[in-house]
Amino acid sequence: MSSISRCTVHAYLVETADTEPTYLRARDIASELDGSPKAVAQYLSQLQNDLTDVSLEQWGRSKSTTWRLEMSES
């Protein structure tokens, strides 16, 4: 069973974000965090509008959603 949490995904995003855009997929994040891709995808959708320290947006959808991540402009 996946023990991944929304806080864990948020911390991962903040740690991974850079001034240059980074492109991520839920399955890759889940692999790094030892969690479920489905849970990560749900958290990414929720966090998209809640993040203030980083910018997260859906970027592309082919076989799975790609997310664009970068530091927010302050």
PDB file of N, CA and C in Angstrom:
ATOM      1  N   MET A   1       0.845  -1.194   0.000  1.00  0.00           N
ATOM      2  CA  MET A   1       0.000   0.000   0.000  1.00  0.00           C
ATOM      3  C   MET A   1       0.881   1.244   0.000  1.00  0.00           C
ATOM      4  N   SER A   2       0.466   2.238  -0.736  1.00  0.00           N
ATOM      5  CA  SER A   2       1.236   3.468  -0.850  1.00  0.00           C
ATOM      6  C   SER A   2       1.059   4.332   0.398  1.00  0.00           C
ATOM      7  N   SER A   3       2.177   4.787   0.930  1.00  0.00           N
ATOM      8  CA  SER A   3       2.114   5.639   2.114  1.00  0.00           C
ATOM      9  C   SER A   3       2.432   7.089   1.755  1.00  0.00           C
ATOM     10  N   ILE A   4       2.348   7.408   0.485  1.00  0.00           N
ATOM     11  CA  ILE A   4       2.662   8.754   0.018  1.00  0.00           C
ATOM     12  C   ILE A   4       1.568   9.728   0.463  1.00  0.00           C
ATOM     13  N   SER A   5       1.976  10.946   0.789  1.00  0.00           N
ATOM     14  CA  SER A   5       1.004  11.944   1.222  1.00  0.00           C
ATOM     15  C   SER A   5       1.120  13.197   0.366  1.00  0.00           C
ATOM     16  N   ARG A   6       0.129  14.029   0.476  1.00  0.00           N
ATOM     17  CA  ARG A   6       0.124  15.301  -0.241  1.00  0.00           C
ATOM     18  C   ARG A   6       1.330  16.155   0.175  1.00  0.00           C
ATOM     19  N   CYS A   7       1.650  16.141   1.455  1.00  0.00           N
ATOM     20  CA  CYS A   7       2.803  16.901   1.970  1.00  0.00           C
ATOM     21  C   CYS A   7       4.107  16.385   1.381  1.00  0.00           C
ATOM     22  N   THR A   8       4.207  15.082   1.203  1.00  0.00           N
ATOM     23  CA  THR A   8       5.398  14.484   0.621  1.00  0.00           C
ATOM     24  C   THR A   8       5.571  14.939  -0.822  1.00  0.00           C
ATOM     25  N   VAL A   9       4.480  14.945  -1.576  1.00  0.00           N
ATOM     26  CA  VAL A   9       4.528  15.387  -2.976  1.00  0.00           C
ATOM     27  C   VAL A   9       4.874  16.872  -3.032  1.00  0.00           C
ATOM     28  N   HIS A  10       4.269  17.664  -2.159  1.00  0.00           N
ATOM     29  CA  HIS A  10       4.560  19.097  -2.121  1.00  0.00           C
ATOM     30  C   HIS A  10       6.042  19.342  -1.840  1.00  0.00           C
ATOM     31  N   ALA A  11       6.581  18.651  -0.849  1.00  0.00           N
ATOM     32  CA  ALA A  11       7.999  18.808  -0.499  1.00  0.00           C
ATOM     33  C   ALA A  11       8.890  18.405  -1.672  1.00  0.00           C
ATOM     34  N   TYR A  12       8.527  17.348  -2.368  1.00  0.00           N
ATOM     35  CA  TYR A  12       9.294  16.905  -3.534  1.00  0.00           C
ATOM     36  C   TYR A  12       9.293  17.988  -4.613  1.00  0.00           C
ATOM     37  N   LEU A  13       8.146  18.592  -4.864  1.00  0.00           N
ATOM     38  CA  LEU A  13       8.040  19.630  -5.889  1.00  0.00           C
ATOM     39  C   LEU A  13       8.902  20.841  -5.540  1.00  0.00           C
ATOM     40  N   VAL A  14       8.846  21.259  -4.290  1.00  0.00           N
ATOM     41  CA  VAL A  14       9.634  22.415  -3.848  1.00  0.00           C
ATOM     42  C   VAL A  14      11.124  22.112  -3.966  1.00  0.00           C
ATOM     43  N   GLU A  15      11.513  20.909  -3.606  1.00  0.00           N
ATOM     44  CA  GLU A  15      12.914  20.510  -3.662  1.00  0.00           C
ATOM     45  C   GLU A  15      13.415  20.383  -5.106  1.00  0.00           C
ATOM     46  N   THR A  16      12.535  19.976  -6.008  1.00  0.00           N
ATOM     47  CA  THR A  16      12.902  19.728  -7.403  1.00  0.00           C
ATOM     48  C   THR A  16      12.867  20.991  -8.258  1.00  0.00           C
ATOM     49  N   ALA A  17      12.037  21.951  -7.882  1.00  0.00           N
ATOM     50  CA  ALA A  17      11.844  23.157  -8.697  1.00  0.00           C
ATOM     51  C   ALA A  17      13.144  23.934  -8.857  1.00  0.00           C
ATOM     52  N   ASP A  18      13.272  24.551 -10.018  1.00  0.00           N
ATOM     53  CA  ASP A  18      14.447  25.348 -10.338  1.00  0.00           C
ATOM     54  C   ASP A  18      13.965  26.575 -11.105  1.00  0.00           C
ATOM     55  N   THR A  19      14.880  27.478 -11.406  1.00  0.00           N
ATOM     56  CA  THR A  19      14.499  28.669 -12.171  1.00  0.00           C
ATOM     57  C   THR A  19      14.171  28.308 -13.620  1.00  0.00           C
ATOM     58  N   GLU A  20      14.733  27.215 -14.103  1.00  0.00           N
ATOM     59  CA  GLU A  20      14.400  26.713 -15.433  1.00  0.00           C
ATOM     60  C   GLU A  20      13.286  25.679 -15.284  1.00  0.00           C
ATOM     61  N   PRO A  21      12.359  25.647 -16.230  1.00  0.00           N
ATOM     62  CA  PRO A  21      11.266  24.677 -16.141  1.00  0.00           C
ATOM     63  C   PRO A  21      11.762  23.234 -16.123  1.00  0.00           C
ATOM     64  N   THR A  22      11.093  22.425 -15.333  1.00  0.00           N
ATOM     65  CA  THR A  22      11.334  20.992 -15.264  1.00  0.00           C
ATOM     66  C   THR A  22      10.025  20.312 -15.646  1.00  0.00           C
ATOM     67  N   TYR A  23      10.115  19.254 -16.415  1.00  0.00           N
ATOM     68  CA  TYR A  23       8.923  18.544 -16.853  1.00  0.00           C
ATOM     69  C   TYR A  23       8.875  17.186 -16.167  1.00  0.00           C
ATOM     70  N   LEU A  24       7.740  16.901 -15.533  1.00  0.00           N
ATOM     71  CA  LEU A  24       7.596  15.708 -14.708  1.00  0.00           C
ATOM     72  C   LEU A  24       6.346  14.934 -15.077  1.00  0.00           C
ATOM     73  N   ARG A  25       6.349  13.671 -14.720  1.00  0.00           N
ATOM     74  CA  ARG A  25       5.159  12.828 -14.841  1.00  0.00           C
ATOM     75  C   ARG A  25       4.921  12.156 -13.501  1.00  0.00           C
ATOM     76  N   ALA A  26       3.675  11.892 -13.212  1.00  0.00           N
ATOM     77  CA  ALA A  26       3.299  11.300 -11.921  1.00  0.00           C
ATOM     78  C   ALA A  26       4.017   9.979 -11.686  1.00  0.00           C
ATOM     79  N   ARG A  27       4.145   9.166 -12.713  1.00  0.00           N
ATOM     80  CA  ARG A  27       4.789   7.857 -12.520  1.00  0.00           C
ATOM     81  C   ARG A  27       6.254   8.002 -12.129  1.00  0.00           C
ATOM     82  N   ASP A  28       6.924   9.035 -12.658  1.00  0.00           N
ATOM     83  CA  ASP A  28       8.329   9.252 -12.306  1.00  0.00           C
ATOM     84  C   ASP A  28       8.472   9.732 -10.860  1.00  0.00           C
ATOM     85  N   ILE A  29       7.581  10.620 -10.448  1.00  0.00           N
ATOM     86  CA  ILE A  29       7.588  11.099  -9.062  1.00  0.00           C
ATOM     87  C   ILE A  29       7.272   9.939  -8.121  1.00  0.00           C
ATOM     88  N   ALA A  30       6.267   9.144  -8.468  1.00  0.00           N
ATOM     89  CA  ALA A  30       5.873   8.003  -7.641  1.00  0.00           C
ATOM     90  C   ALA A  30       7.031   7.019  -7.495  1.00  0.00           C
ATOM     91  N   SER A  31       7.775   6.818  -8.559  1.00  0.00           N
ATOM     92  CA  SER A  31       8.922   5.917  -8.511  1.00  0.00           C
ATOM     93  C   SER A  31       9.982   6.443  -7.539  1.00  0.00           C
ATOM     94  N   GLU A  32      10.239   7.736  -7.582  1.00  0.00           N
ATOM     95  CA  GLU A  32      11.231   8.344  -6.682  1.00  0.00           C
ATOM     96  C   GLU A  32      10.776   8.310  -5.225  1.00  0.00           C
ATOM     97  N   LEU A  33       9.469   8.484  -5.012  1.00  0.00           N
ATOM     98  CA  LEU A  33       8.940   8.559  -3.647  1.00  0.00           C
ATOM     99  C   LEU A  33       8.401   7.232  -3.145  1.00  0.00           C
ATOM    100  N   ASP A  34       8.527   6.186  -3.960  1.00  0.00           N
ATOM    101  CA  ASP A  34       8.024   4.861  -3.602  1.00  0.00           C
ATOM    102  C   ASP A  34       6.526   4.892  -3.287  1.00  0.00           C
ATOM    103  N   GLY A  35       5.766   5.485  -4.211  1.00  0.00           N
ATOM    104  CA  GLY A  35       4.327   5.595  -4.021  1.00  0.00           C
ATOM    105  C   GLY A  35       3.559   5.187  -5.257  1.00  0.00           C
ATOM    106  N   SER A  36       2.282   5.426  -5.230  1.00  0.00           N
ATOM    107  CA  SER A  36       1.384   5.081  -6.321  1.00  0.00           C
ATOM    108  C   SER A  36       1.279   6.238  -7.324  1.00  0.00           C
ATOM    109  N   PRO A  37       1.460   5.962  -8.626  1.00  0.00           N
ATOM    110  CA  PRO A  37       1.308   7.018  -9.630  1.00  0.00           C
ATOM    111  C   PRO A  37      -0.085   7.660  -9.602  1.00  0.00           C
ATOM    112  N   LYS A  38      -1.090   6.861  -9.308  1.00  0.00           N
ATOM    113  CA  LYS A  38      -2.458   7.379  -9.247  1.00  0.00           C
ATOM    114  C   LYS A  38      -2.603   8.393  -8.109  1.00  0.00           C
ATOM    115  N   ALA A  39      -2.039   8.079  -6.951  1.00  0.00           N
ATOM    116  CA  ALA A  39      -2.097   9.003  -5.808  1.00  0.00           C
ATOM    117  C   ALA A  39      -1.332  10.279  -6.120  1.00  0.00           C
ATOM    118  N   VAL A  40      -0.152  10.138  -6.721  1.00  0.00           N
ATOM    119  CA  VAL A  40       0.652  11.317  -7.069  1.00  0.00           C
ATOM    120  C   VAL A  40      -0.112  12.196  -8.051  1.00  0.00           C
ATOM    121  N   ALA A  41      -0.737  11.595  -9.052  1.00  0.00           N
ATOM    122  CA  ALA A  41      -1.499  12.361 -10.046  1.00  0.00           C
ATOM    123  C   ALA A  41      -2.633  13.141  -9.388  1.00  0.00           C
ATOM    124  N   GLN A  42      -3.309  12.534  -8.431  1.00  0.00           N
ATOM    125  CA  GLN A  42      -4.378  13.229  -7.710  1.00  0.00           C
ATOM    126  C   GLN A  42      -3.818  14.404  -6.925  1.00  0.00           C
ATOM    127  N   TYR A  43      -2.704  14.200  -6.242  1.00  0.00           N
ATOM    128  CA  TYR A  43      -2.093  15.277  -5.460  1.00  0.00           C
ATOM    129  C   TYR A  43      -1.599  16.405  -6.356  1.00  0.00           C
ATOM    130  N   LEU A  44      -1.039  16.069  -7.512  1.00  0.00           N
ATOM    131  CA  LEU A  44      -0.579  17.105  -8.433  1.00  0.00           C
ATOM    132  C   LEU A  44      -1.740  17.978  -8.882  1.00  0.00           C
ATOM    133  N   SER A  45      -2.862  17.361  -9.190  1.00  0.00           N
ATOM    134  CA  SER A  45      -4.050  18.124  -9.594  1.00  0.00           C
ATOM    135  C   SER A  45      -4.525  19.046  -8.474  1.00  0.00           C
ATOM    136  N   GLN A  46      -4.499  18.552  -7.245  1.00  0.00           N
ATOM    137  CA  GLN A  46      -4.922  19.359  -6.100  1.00  0.00           C
ATOM    138  C   GLN A  46      -3.941  20.492  -5.829  1.00  0.00           C
ATOM    139  N   LEU A  47      -2.664  20.191  -5.905  1.00  0.00           N
ATOM    140  CA  LEU A  47      -1.630  21.163  -5.571  1.00  0.00           C
ATOM    141  C   LEU A  47      -1.466  22.244  -6.634  1.00  0.00           C
ATOM    142  N   GLN A  48      -1.907  21.971  -7.826  1.00  0.00           N
ATOM    143  CA  GLN A  48      -1.732  22.901  -8.935  1.00  0.00           C
ATOM    144  C   GLN A  48      -2.189  24.314  -8.574  1.00  0.00           C
ATOM    145  N   ASN A  49      -3.309  24.441  -7.910  1.00  0.00           N
ATOM    146  CA  ASN A  49      -3.863  25.749  -7.564  1.00  0.00           C
ATOM    147  C   ASN A  49      -3.460  26.234  -6.169  1.00  0.00           C
ATOM    148  N   ASP A  50      -2.891  25.361  -5.361  1.00  0.00           N
ATOM    149  CA  ASP A  50      -2.582  25.693  -3.971  1.00  0.00           C
ATOM    150  C   ASP A  50      -1.146  26.146  -3.735  1.00  0.00           C
ATOM    151  N   LEU A  51      -0.255  25.882  -4.679  1.00  0.00           N
ATOM    152  CA  LEU A  51       1.160  26.191  -4.482  1.00  0.00           C
ATOM    153  C   LEU A  51       1.430  27.677  -4.641  1.00  0.00           C
ATOM    154  N   THR A  52       2.259  28.220  -3.761  1.00  0.00           N
ATOM    155  CA  THR A  52       2.664  29.619  -3.876  1.00  0.00           C
ATOM    156  C   THR A  52       4.163  29.745  -4.128  1.00  0.00           C
ATOM    157  N   ASP A  53       4.925  28.761  -3.681  1.00  0.00           N
ATOM    158  CA  ASP A  53       6.376  28.816  -3.812  1.00  0.00           C
ATOM    159  C   ASP A  53       6.893  28.297  -5.149  1.00  0.00           C
ATOM    160  N   VAL A  54       6.105  27.472  -5.820  1.00  0.00           N
ATOM    161  CA  VAL A  54       6.468  26.957  -7.139  1.00  0.00           C
ATOM    162  C   VAL A  54       5.269  27.047  -8.069  1.00  0.00           C
ATOM    163  N   SER A  55       5.543  27.054  -9.351  1.00  0.00           N
ATOM    164  CA  SER A  55       4.503  27.087 -10.374  1.00  0.00           C
ATOM    165  C   SER A  55       4.375  25.690 -10.967  1.00  0.00           C
ATOM    166  N   LEU A  56       3.161  25.157 -10.964  1.00  0.00           N
ATOM    167  CA  LEU A  56       2.890  23.827 -11.492  1.00  0.00           C
ATOM    168  C   LEU A  56       1.707  23.920 -12.440  1.00  0.00           C
ATOM    169  N   GLU A  57       1.897  23.453 -13.669  1.00  0.00           N
ATOM    170  CA  GLU A  57       0.783  23.470 -14.615  1.00  0.00           C
ATOM    171  C   GLU A  57       0.821  22.243 -15.504  1.00  0.00           C
ATOM    172  N   GLN A  58      -0.375  21.819 -15.913  1.00  0.00           N
ATOM    173  CA  GLN A  58      -0.456  20.719 -16.861  1.00  0.00           C
ATOM    174  C   GLN A  58       0.127  21.212 -18.171  1.00  0.00           C
ATOM    175  N   TRP A  59       1.024  20.436 -18.731  1.00  0.00           N
ATOM    176  CA  TRP A  59       1.722  20.891 -19.913  1.00  0.00           C
ATOM    177  C   TRP A  59       1.324  20.098 -21.144  1.00  0.00           C
ATOM    178  N   GLY A  60       1.256  18.813 -21.046  1.00  0.00           N
ATOM    179  CA  GLY A  60       0.913  17.998 -22.203  1.00  0.00           C
ATOM    180  C   GLY A  60       0.229  16.721 -21.786  1.00  0.00           C
ATOM    181  N   ARG A  61      -0.552  16.192 -22.698  1.00  0.00           N
ATOM    182  CA  ARG A  61      -1.242  14.933 -22.432  1.00  0.00           C
ATOM    183  C   ARG A  61      -1.124  14.050 -23.657  1.00  0.00           C
ATOM    184  N   SER A  62      -0.234  13.101 -23.625  1.00  0.00           N
ATOM    185  CA  SER A  62      -0.172  12.120 -24.697  1.00  0.00           C
ATOM    186  C   SER A  62      -0.670  10.814 -24.100  1.00  0.00           C
ATOM    187  N   LYS A  63       0.217  10.015 -23.602  1.00  0.00           N
ATOM    188  CA  LYS A  63      -0.205   8.802 -22.906  1.00  0.00           C
ATOM    189  C   LYS A  63      -0.481   9.090 -21.433  1.00  0.00           C
ATOM    190  N   SER A  64       0.236  10.076 -20.903  1.00  0.00           N
ATOM    191  CA  SER A  64      -0.003  10.505 -19.527  1.00  0.00           C
ATOM    192  C   SER A  64       0.292  12.002 -19.446  1.00  0.00           C
ATOM    193  N   THR A  65      -0.205  12.631 -18.413  1.00  0.00           N
ATOM    194  CA  THR A  65      -0.038  14.075 -18.268  1.00  0.00           C
ATOM    195  C   THR A  65       1.398  14.420 -17.890  1.00  0.00           C
ATOM    196  N   THR A  66       1.920  15.411 -18.570  1.00  0.00           N
ATOM    197  CA  THR A  66       3.220  15.971 -18.222  1.00  0.00           C
ATOM    198  C   THR A  66       2.962  17.275 -17.480  1.00  0.00           C
ATOM    199  N   TRP A  67       3.712  17.491 -16.406  1.00  0.00           N
ATOM    200  CA  TRP A  67       3.562  18.683 -15.594  1.00  0.00           C
ATOM    201  C   TRP A  67       4.799  19.572 -15.746  1.00  0.00           C
ATOM    202  N   ARG A  68       4.587  20.859 -15.895  1.00  0.00           N
ATOM    203  CA  ARG A  68       5.684  21.825 -15.992  1.00  0.00           C
ATOM    204  C   ARG A  68       5.848  22.455 -14.615  1.00  0.00           C
ATOM    205  N   LEU A  69       7.058  22.406 -14.085  1.00  0.00           N
ATOM    206  CA  LEU A  69       7.347  22.877 -12.738  1.00  0.00           C
ATOM    207  C   LEU A  69       8.494  23.861 -12.784  1.00  0.00           C
ATOM    208  N   GLU A  70       8.345  24.995 -12.114  1.00  0.00           N
ATOM    209  CA  GLU A  70       9.450  25.938 -11.945  1.00  0.00           C
ATOM    210  C   GLU A  70       9.185  26.823 -10.737  1.00  0.00           C
ATOM    211  N   MET A  71      10.230  27.481 -10.264  1.00  0.00           N
ATOM    212  CA  MET A  71      10.098  28.383  -9.132  1.00  0.00           C
ATOM    213  C   MET A  71       9.162  29.523  -9.517  1.00  0.00           C
ATOM    214  N   SER A  72       8.324  29.936  -8.581  1.00  0.00           N
ATOM    215  CA  SER A  72       7.430  31.066  -8.821  1.00  0.00           C
ATOM    216  C   SER A  72       8.225  32.351  -8.776  1.00  0.00           C
ATOM    217  N   GLU A  73       7.798  33.315  -9.567  1.00  0.00           N
ATOM    218  CA  GLU A  73       8.431  34.621  -9.516  1.00  0.00           C
ATOM    219  C   GLU A  73       7.917  35.357  -8.296  1.00  0.00           C
ATOM    220  N   SER A  74       8.833  35.920  -7.532  1.00  0.00           N
ATOM    221  CA  SER A  74       8.433  36.611  -6.298  1.00  0.00           C
ATOM    222  C   SER A  74       8.491  38.094  -6.471  1.00  0.00           C
TER     223      SER A  74
END
